[in-house]
């Protein structure tokens, strides 16, 4: 099991970096092109909820855990106190995540917003 971590400004313009890392790691596990695309869509959908459309003050910390047959991604928002973060997924977002991820959670715990996503390699 390997771990890769990155901390980016909490701005939508940096989410491309997260997608690129997810793509590279999934390629390393020989995910199919469709599985890689699903992973990119899922991580982008969840991370965008945390950054919002305008970005936020602070950082988005992402950890990728690479196992032999799956990638687990955890994102944690380190934002200014009092920032309101939307964690109730729209029905459309729920459907997207149900289609592209094996597990997807968006939550706030003790005032800290985070997401968790798992994508399994199909054999």
N, C-alpha and C. Protein backbone atom coordinates (compact mmCIF):
# COMPACT_ATOMS: atom_id res chain seq x y z
N UNK A 1 0.85 -1.17 0.00
CA UNK A 1 0.00 0.00 0.00
C UNK A 1 0.90 1.24 0.00
N UNK A 2 0.66 2.12 -0.96
CA UNK A 2 1.38 3.38 -1.04
C UNK A 2 0.42 4.53 -0.76
N UNK A 3 0.98 5.64 -0.29
CA UNK A 3 0.19 6.85 -0.05
C UNK A 3 0.86 8.02 -0.76
N UNK A 4 0.02 8.84 -1.36
CA UNK A 4 0.47 10.07 -2.00
C UNK A 4 -0.41 11.19 -1.46
N UNK A 5 0.22 12.26 -1.00
CA UNK A 5 -0.54 13.38 -0.44
C UNK A 5 -0.19 14.67 -1.17
N UNK A 6 -1.17 15.54 -1.25
CA UNK A 6 -0.98 16.84 -1.87
C UNK A 6 -1.85 17.86 -1.14
N UNK A 7 -1.35 19.06 -1.04
CA UNK A 7 -2.11 20.16 -0.47
C UNK A 7 -2.15 21.26 -1.52
N UNK A 8 -3.36 21.65 -1.90
CA UNK A 8 -3.52 22.68 -2.94
C UNK A 8 -4.35 23.84 -2.39
N UNK A 9 -4.21 25.02 -2.98
CA UNK A 9 -5.13 26.10 -2.62
C UNK A 9 -6.57 25.64 -2.90
N UNK A 10 -7.48 26.04 -2.06
CA UNK A 10 -8.88 25.60 -2.18
C UNK A 10 -9.59 26.41 -3.26
N UNK A 11 -9.13 26.23 -4.47
CA UNK A 11 -9.66 26.94 -5.62
C UNK A 11 -9.94 25.96 -6.75
N UNK A 12 -11.06 26.12 -7.45
CA UNK A 12 -11.39 25.19 -8.53
C UNK A 12 -10.32 25.08 -9.60
N UNK A 13 -9.56 26.13 -9.80
CA UNK A 13 -8.54 26.09 -10.85
C UNK A 13 -7.43 25.09 -10.56
N UNK A 14 -7.28 24.64 -9.31
CA UNK A 14 -6.26 23.67 -8.96
C UNK A 14 -6.77 22.23 -8.95
N UNK A 15 -8.05 22.04 -9.18
CA UNK A 15 -8.60 20.68 -9.15
C UNK A 15 -8.04 19.83 -10.30
N UNK A 16 -7.58 20.47 -11.35
CA UNK A 16 -6.97 19.73 -12.45
C UNK A 16 -5.74 18.95 -11.97
N UNK A 17 -5.01 19.52 -11.02
CA UNK A 17 -3.84 18.83 -10.47
C UNK A 17 -4.28 17.54 -9.77
N UNK A 18 -5.37 17.60 -9.05
CA UNK A 18 -5.89 16.42 -8.35
C UNK A 18 -6.31 15.36 -9.37
N UNK A 19 -6.99 15.78 -10.43
CA UNK A 19 -7.40 14.84 -11.47
C UNK A 19 -6.19 14.19 -12.14
N UNK A 20 -5.15 14.98 -12.39
CA UNK A 20 -3.95 14.44 -13.03
C UNK A 20 -3.26 13.39 -12.16
N UNK A 21 -3.17 13.66 -10.87
CA UNK A 21 -2.57 12.68 -9.96
C UNK A 21 -3.42 11.41 -9.92
N UNK A 22 -4.73 11.57 -9.82
CA UNK A 22 -5.62 10.41 -9.81
C UNK A 22 -5.44 9.59 -11.08
N UNK A 23 -5.32 10.26 -12.22
CA UNK A 23 -5.13 9.58 -13.50
C UNK A 23 -3.82 8.80 -13.52
N UNK A 24 -2.75 9.43 -13.08
CA UNK A 24 -1.44 8.77 -13.08
C UNK A 24 -1.42 7.55 -12.18
N UNK A 25 -2.02 7.67 -11.01
CA UNK A 25 -2.03 6.54 -10.08
C UNK A 25 -2.90 5.40 -10.59
N UNK A 26 -4.04 5.74 -11.17
CA UNK A 26 -4.92 4.71 -11.73
C UNK A 26 -4.26 4.01 -12.92
N UNK A 27 -3.53 4.75 -13.71
CA UNK A 27 -2.80 4.16 -14.84
C UNK A 27 -1.77 3.16 -14.34
N UNK A 28 -1.12 3.52 -13.24
CA UNK A 28 -0.12 2.64 -12.65
C UNK A 28 -0.73 1.30 -12.21
N UNK A 29 -1.99 1.33 -11.83
CA UNK A 29 -2.69 0.10 -11.43
C UNK A 29 -3.35 -0.58 -12.62
N UNK A 30 -3.10 -0.08 -13.79
CA UNK A 30 -3.68 -0.57 -15.05
C UNK A 30 -5.21 -0.55 -15.05
N UNK A 31 -5.78 0.52 -14.49
CA UNK A 31 -7.21 0.74 -14.63
C UNK A 31 -7.49 0.93 -16.12
N UNK A 32 -8.69 0.57 -16.54
CA UNK A 32 -9.09 0.81 -17.93
C UNK A 32 -9.31 2.32 -18.13
N UNK A 33 -9.39 2.71 -19.36
CA UNK A 33 -9.65 4.13 -19.67
C UNK A 33 -10.98 4.56 -19.05
N UNK A 34 -11.99 3.72 -19.14
CA UNK A 34 -13.30 4.05 -18.55
C UNK A 34 -13.21 4.19 -17.03
N UNK A 35 -12.46 3.31 -16.39
CA UNK A 35 -12.30 3.38 -14.94
C UNK A 35 -11.56 4.66 -14.54
N UNK A 36 -10.56 5.04 -15.33
CA UNK A 36 -9.82 6.27 -15.06
C UNK A 36 -10.73 7.48 -15.21
N UNK A 37 -11.52 7.50 -16.25
CA UNK A 37 -12.46 8.61 -16.46
C UNK A 37 -13.47 8.70 -15.31
N UNK A 38 -13.97 7.55 -14.88
CA UNK A 38 -14.90 7.52 -13.74
C UNK A 38 -14.23 8.09 -12.49
N UNK A 39 -12.99 7.70 -12.24
CA UNK A 39 -12.27 8.20 -11.08
C UNK A 39 -12.11 9.72 -11.14
N UNK A 40 -11.73 10.22 -12.29
CA UNK A 40 -11.57 11.68 -12.45
C UNK A 40 -12.88 12.42 -12.21
N UNK A 41 -13.96 11.88 -12.74
CA UNK A 41 -15.28 12.51 -12.55
C UNK A 41 -15.65 12.52 -11.08
N UNK A 42 -15.46 11.39 -10.41
CA UNK A 42 -15.83 11.28 -9.00
C UNK A 42 -15.05 12.22 -8.11
N UNK A 43 -13.72 12.24 -8.25
CA UNK A 43 -12.90 13.10 -7.40
C UNK A 43 -13.18 14.57 -7.70
N UNK A 44 -13.42 14.90 -8.95
CA UNK A 44 -13.74 16.28 -9.31
C UNK A 44 -15.07 16.71 -8.70
N UNK A 45 -16.05 15.85 -8.77
CA UNK A 45 -17.38 16.16 -8.24
C UNK A 45 -17.31 16.45 -6.74
N UNK A 46 -16.63 15.60 -5.99
CA UNK A 46 -16.55 15.78 -4.54
C UNK A 46 -15.67 16.96 -4.15
N UNK A 47 -14.53 17.10 -4.79
CA UNK A 47 -13.62 18.21 -4.45
C UNK A 47 -14.26 19.55 -4.76
N UNK A 48 -15.05 19.61 -5.83
CA UNK A 48 -15.71 20.86 -6.20
C UNK A 48 -16.73 21.29 -5.14
N UNK A 49 -17.34 20.34 -4.47
CA UNK A 49 -18.25 20.70 -3.37
C UNK A 49 -17.47 21.44 -2.27
N UNK A 50 -16.26 21.00 -2.00
CA UNK A 50 -15.48 21.62 -0.93
C UNK A 50 -14.94 22.99 -1.34
N UNK A 51 -14.44 23.11 -2.55
CA UNK A 51 -13.86 24.40 -2.95
C UNK A 51 -14.93 25.42 -3.30
N UNK A 52 -16.12 24.94 -3.70
CA UNK A 52 -17.14 25.86 -4.17
C UNK A 52 -16.75 26.40 -5.54
N UNK A 53 -17.62 27.15 -6.16
CA UNK A 53 -17.35 27.66 -7.50
C UNK A 53 -16.38 28.83 -7.50
N UNK A 54 -16.29 29.54 -6.38
CA UNK A 54 -15.42 30.71 -6.30
C UNK A 54 -14.12 30.45 -5.54
N UNK A 55 -13.98 29.27 -4.98
CA UNK A 55 -12.81 28.98 -4.17
C UNK A 55 -13.01 29.47 -2.74
N UNK A 56 -12.08 29.10 -1.89
CA UNK A 56 -12.15 29.47 -0.47
C UNK A 56 -10.76 29.83 0.03
N UNK A 57 -10.73 30.54 1.13
CA UNK A 57 -9.46 30.79 1.82
C UNK A 57 -9.05 29.49 2.49
N UNK A 58 -7.83 29.07 2.28
CA UNK A 58 -7.34 27.86 2.90
C UNK A 58 -6.87 26.85 1.88
N UNK A 59 -6.77 25.60 2.33
CA UNK A 59 -6.25 24.55 1.46
C UNK A 59 -7.19 23.35 1.41
N UNK A 60 -7.00 22.58 0.37
CA UNK A 60 -7.67 21.30 0.24
C UNK A 60 -6.56 20.26 0.26
N UNK A 61 -6.58 19.40 1.27
CA UNK A 61 -5.55 18.37 1.43
C UNK A 61 -6.11 17.05 0.95
N UNK A 62 -5.40 16.43 0.02
CA UNK A 62 -5.86 15.20 -0.60
C UNK A 62 -4.85 14.09 -0.32
N UNK A 63 -5.36 12.94 0.08
CA UNK A 63 -4.50 11.76 0.27
C UNK A 63 -5.05 10.63 -0.61
N UNK A 64 -4.16 10.07 -1.40
CA UNK A 64 -4.47 8.92 -2.24
C UNK A 64 -3.83 7.70 -1.61
N UNK A 65 -4.62 6.66 -1.37
CA UNK A 65 -4.10 5.40 -0.86
C UNK A 65 -4.24 4.40 -2.00
N UNK A 66 -3.09 3.86 -2.42
CA UNK A 66 -3.06 2.96 -3.56
C UNK A 66 -2.88 1.54 -3.05
N UNK A 67 -3.86 0.72 -3.31
CA UNK A 67 -3.79 -0.69 -2.96
C UNK A 67 -3.66 -1.49 -4.26
N UNK A 68 -3.56 -2.78 -4.17
CA UNK A 68 -3.33 -3.59 -5.36
C UNK A 68 -4.47 -3.52 -6.36
N UNK A 69 -5.69 -3.30 -5.89
CA UNK A 69 -6.85 -3.34 -6.78
C UNK A 69 -7.81 -2.16 -6.60
N UNK A 70 -7.35 -1.12 -5.92
CA UNK A 70 -8.25 0.04 -5.70
C UNK A 70 -7.46 1.27 -5.32
N UNK A 71 -8.13 2.40 -5.49
CA UNK A 71 -7.60 3.68 -5.02
C UNK A 71 -8.64 4.27 -4.07
N UNK A 72 -8.16 4.71 -2.92
CA UNK A 72 -9.01 5.41 -1.96
C UNK A 72 -8.51 6.84 -1.89
N UNK A 73 -9.44 7.77 -1.97
CA UNK A 73 -9.07 9.19 -1.97
C UNK A 73 -9.83 9.88 -0.84
N UNK A 74 -9.09 10.60 -0.02
CA UNK A 74 -9.70 11.38 1.07
C UNK A 74 -9.29 12.82 0.89
N UNK A 75 -10.26 13.71 0.90
CA UNK A 75 -10.00 15.14 0.80
C UNK A 75 -10.51 15.83 2.04
N UNK A 76 -9.70 16.75 2.58
CA UNK A 76 -10.08 17.49 3.79
C UNK A 76 -9.89 18.97 3.51
N UNK A 77 -10.93 19.74 3.79
CA UNK A 77 -10.86 21.19 3.61
C UNK A 77 -10.37 21.86 4.87
N UNK A 78 -9.29 22.61 4.75
CA UNK A 78 -8.77 23.42 5.85
C UNK A 78 -9.06 24.87 5.52
N UNK A 79 -10.24 25.31 5.94
CA UNK A 79 -10.74 26.62 5.56
C UNK A 79 -10.87 27.54 6.76
N UNK A 80 -11.15 28.80 6.48
CA UNK A 80 -11.36 29.78 7.54
C UNK A 80 -12.56 29.34 8.40
N UNK A 81 -12.46 29.55 9.70
CA UNK A 81 -13.58 29.19 10.58
C UNK A 81 -14.86 29.91 10.15
N UNK A 82 -15.96 29.18 10.20
CA UNK A 82 -17.25 29.78 9.88
C UNK A 82 -17.65 29.66 8.42
N UNK A 83 -16.75 29.18 7.55
CA UNK A 83 -17.12 28.96 6.15
C UNK A 83 -18.25 27.94 6.09
N UNK A 84 -19.29 28.28 5.37
CA UNK A 84 -20.40 27.36 5.17
C UNK A 84 -20.09 26.48 3.97
N UNK A 85 -20.06 25.19 4.20
CA UNK A 85 -19.74 24.22 3.16
C UNK A 85 -20.98 23.37 2.90
N UNK A 86 -21.36 23.30 1.66
CA UNK A 86 -22.52 22.49 1.30
C UNK A 86 -22.10 21.02 1.24
N UNK A 87 -22.73 20.20 2.06
CA UNK A 87 -22.41 18.77 2.06
C UNK A 87 -23.63 17.92 1.72
N UNK A 88 -24.73 18.56 1.39
CA UNK A 88 -25.88 17.79 0.94
C UNK A 88 -25.82 17.70 -0.58
N UNK A 89 -25.51 16.51 -1.06
CA UNK A 89 -25.37 16.30 -2.49
C UNK A 89 -26.72 16.46 -3.19
N UNK A 90 -26.68 17.04 -4.37
CA UNK A 90 -27.90 17.09 -5.18
C UNK A 90 -28.20 15.68 -5.67
N UNK A 91 -29.41 15.46 -6.09
CA UNK A 91 -29.79 14.16 -6.62
C UNK A 91 -28.93 13.82 -7.85
N UNK A 92 -28.65 14.82 -8.67
CA UNK A 92 -27.81 14.62 -9.85
C UNK A 92 -26.41 14.17 -9.45
N UNK A 93 -25.83 14.83 -8.45
CA UNK A 93 -24.50 14.45 -7.96
C UNK A 93 -24.50 13.05 -7.38
N UNK A 94 -25.54 12.71 -6.64
CA UNK A 94 -25.65 11.36 -6.09
C UNK A 94 -25.65 10.30 -7.20
N UNK A 95 -26.40 10.59 -8.26
CA UNK A 95 -26.46 9.65 -9.38
C UNK A 95 -25.11 9.52 -10.07
N UNK A 96 -24.43 10.64 -10.27
CA UNK A 96 -23.10 10.60 -10.89
C UNK A 96 -22.17 9.74 -10.04
N UNK A 97 -22.11 10.04 -8.76
CA UNK A 97 -21.19 9.32 -7.87
C UNK A 97 -21.54 7.84 -7.75
N UNK A 98 -22.81 7.53 -7.75
CA UNK A 98 -23.24 6.13 -7.69
C UNK A 98 -22.75 5.37 -8.93
N UNK A 99 -22.71 6.07 -10.06
CA UNK A 99 -22.30 5.46 -11.32
C UNK A 99 -20.79 5.31 -11.43
N UNK A 100 -20.02 6.29 -10.93
CA UNK A 100 -18.58 6.31 -11.19
C UNK A 100 -17.71 5.81 -10.04
N UNK A 101 -18.26 5.67 -8.84
CA UNK A 101 -17.44 5.29 -7.68
C UNK A 101 -18.04 4.09 -6.97
N UNK A 102 -17.17 3.35 -6.31
CA UNK A 102 -17.64 2.23 -5.50
C UNK A 102 -18.10 2.71 -4.13
N UNK A 103 -17.53 3.82 -3.68
CA UNK A 103 -17.95 4.46 -2.43
C UNK A 103 -17.67 5.94 -2.56
N UNK A 104 -18.60 6.75 -2.11
CA UNK A 104 -18.42 8.20 -2.15
C UNK A 104 -19.19 8.84 -1.00
N UNK A 105 -18.48 9.61 -0.18
CA UNK A 105 -19.09 10.25 0.99
C UNK A 105 -18.60 11.69 1.05
N UNK A 106 -19.52 12.59 1.35
CA UNK A 106 -19.21 13.99 1.59
C UNK A 106 -19.81 14.34 2.94
N UNK A 107 -18.99 14.90 3.84
CA UNK A 107 -19.48 15.13 5.20
C UNK A 107 -18.74 16.29 5.87
N UNK A 108 -19.30 16.70 7.00
CA UNK A 108 -18.63 17.65 7.89
C UNK A 108 -18.60 17.00 9.26
N UNK A 109 -17.40 16.89 9.82
CA UNK A 109 -17.24 16.31 11.14
C UNK A 109 -16.44 17.28 12.00
N UNK A 110 -17.02 17.67 13.14
CA UNK A 110 -16.39 18.65 14.02
C UNK A 110 -16.03 19.94 13.28
N UNK A 111 -16.89 20.34 12.34
CA UNK A 111 -16.69 21.58 11.60
C UNK A 111 -15.70 21.47 10.44
N UNK A 112 -15.16 20.29 10.19
CA UNK A 112 -14.18 20.11 9.12
C UNK A 112 -14.83 19.33 7.97
N UNK A 113 -14.94 19.96 6.79
CA UNK A 113 -15.53 19.26 5.65
C UNK A 113 -14.53 18.29 5.02
N UNK A 114 -15.05 17.15 4.57
CA UNK A 114 -14.18 16.18 3.94
C UNK A 114 -14.98 15.31 2.98
N UNK A 115 -14.24 14.60 2.13
CA UNK A 115 -14.87 13.60 1.28
C UNK A 115 -14.00 12.36 1.26
N UNK A 116 -14.64 11.26 0.89
CA UNK A 116 -13.96 9.99 0.76
C UNK A 116 -14.51 9.31 -0.48
N UNK A 117 -13.62 8.78 -1.30
CA UNK A 117 -14.02 8.11 -2.53
C UNK A 117 -13.18 6.86 -2.71
N UNK A 118 -13.81 5.77 -3.11
CA UNK A 118 -13.10 4.54 -3.44
C UNK A 118 -13.47 4.13 -4.84
N UNK A 119 -12.46 3.76 -5.62
CA UNK A 119 -12.68 3.21 -6.96
C UNK A 119 -11.91 1.91 -7.04
N UNK A 120 -12.63 0.82 -7.27
CA UNK A 120 -12.03 -0.50 -7.41
C UNK A 120 -11.73 -0.79 -8.87
N UNK A 121 -10.65 -1.50 -9.08
CA UNK A 121 -10.31 -1.96 -10.42
C UNK A 121 -11.19 -3.17 -10.71
N UNK A 122 -11.83 -3.17 -11.85
CA UNK A 122 -12.66 -4.30 -12.25
C UNK A 122 -11.78 -5.35 -12.91
N UNK A 123 -11.93 -6.58 -12.51
CA UNK A 123 -11.08 -7.66 -13.06
C UNK A 123 -11.79 -8.42 -14.14
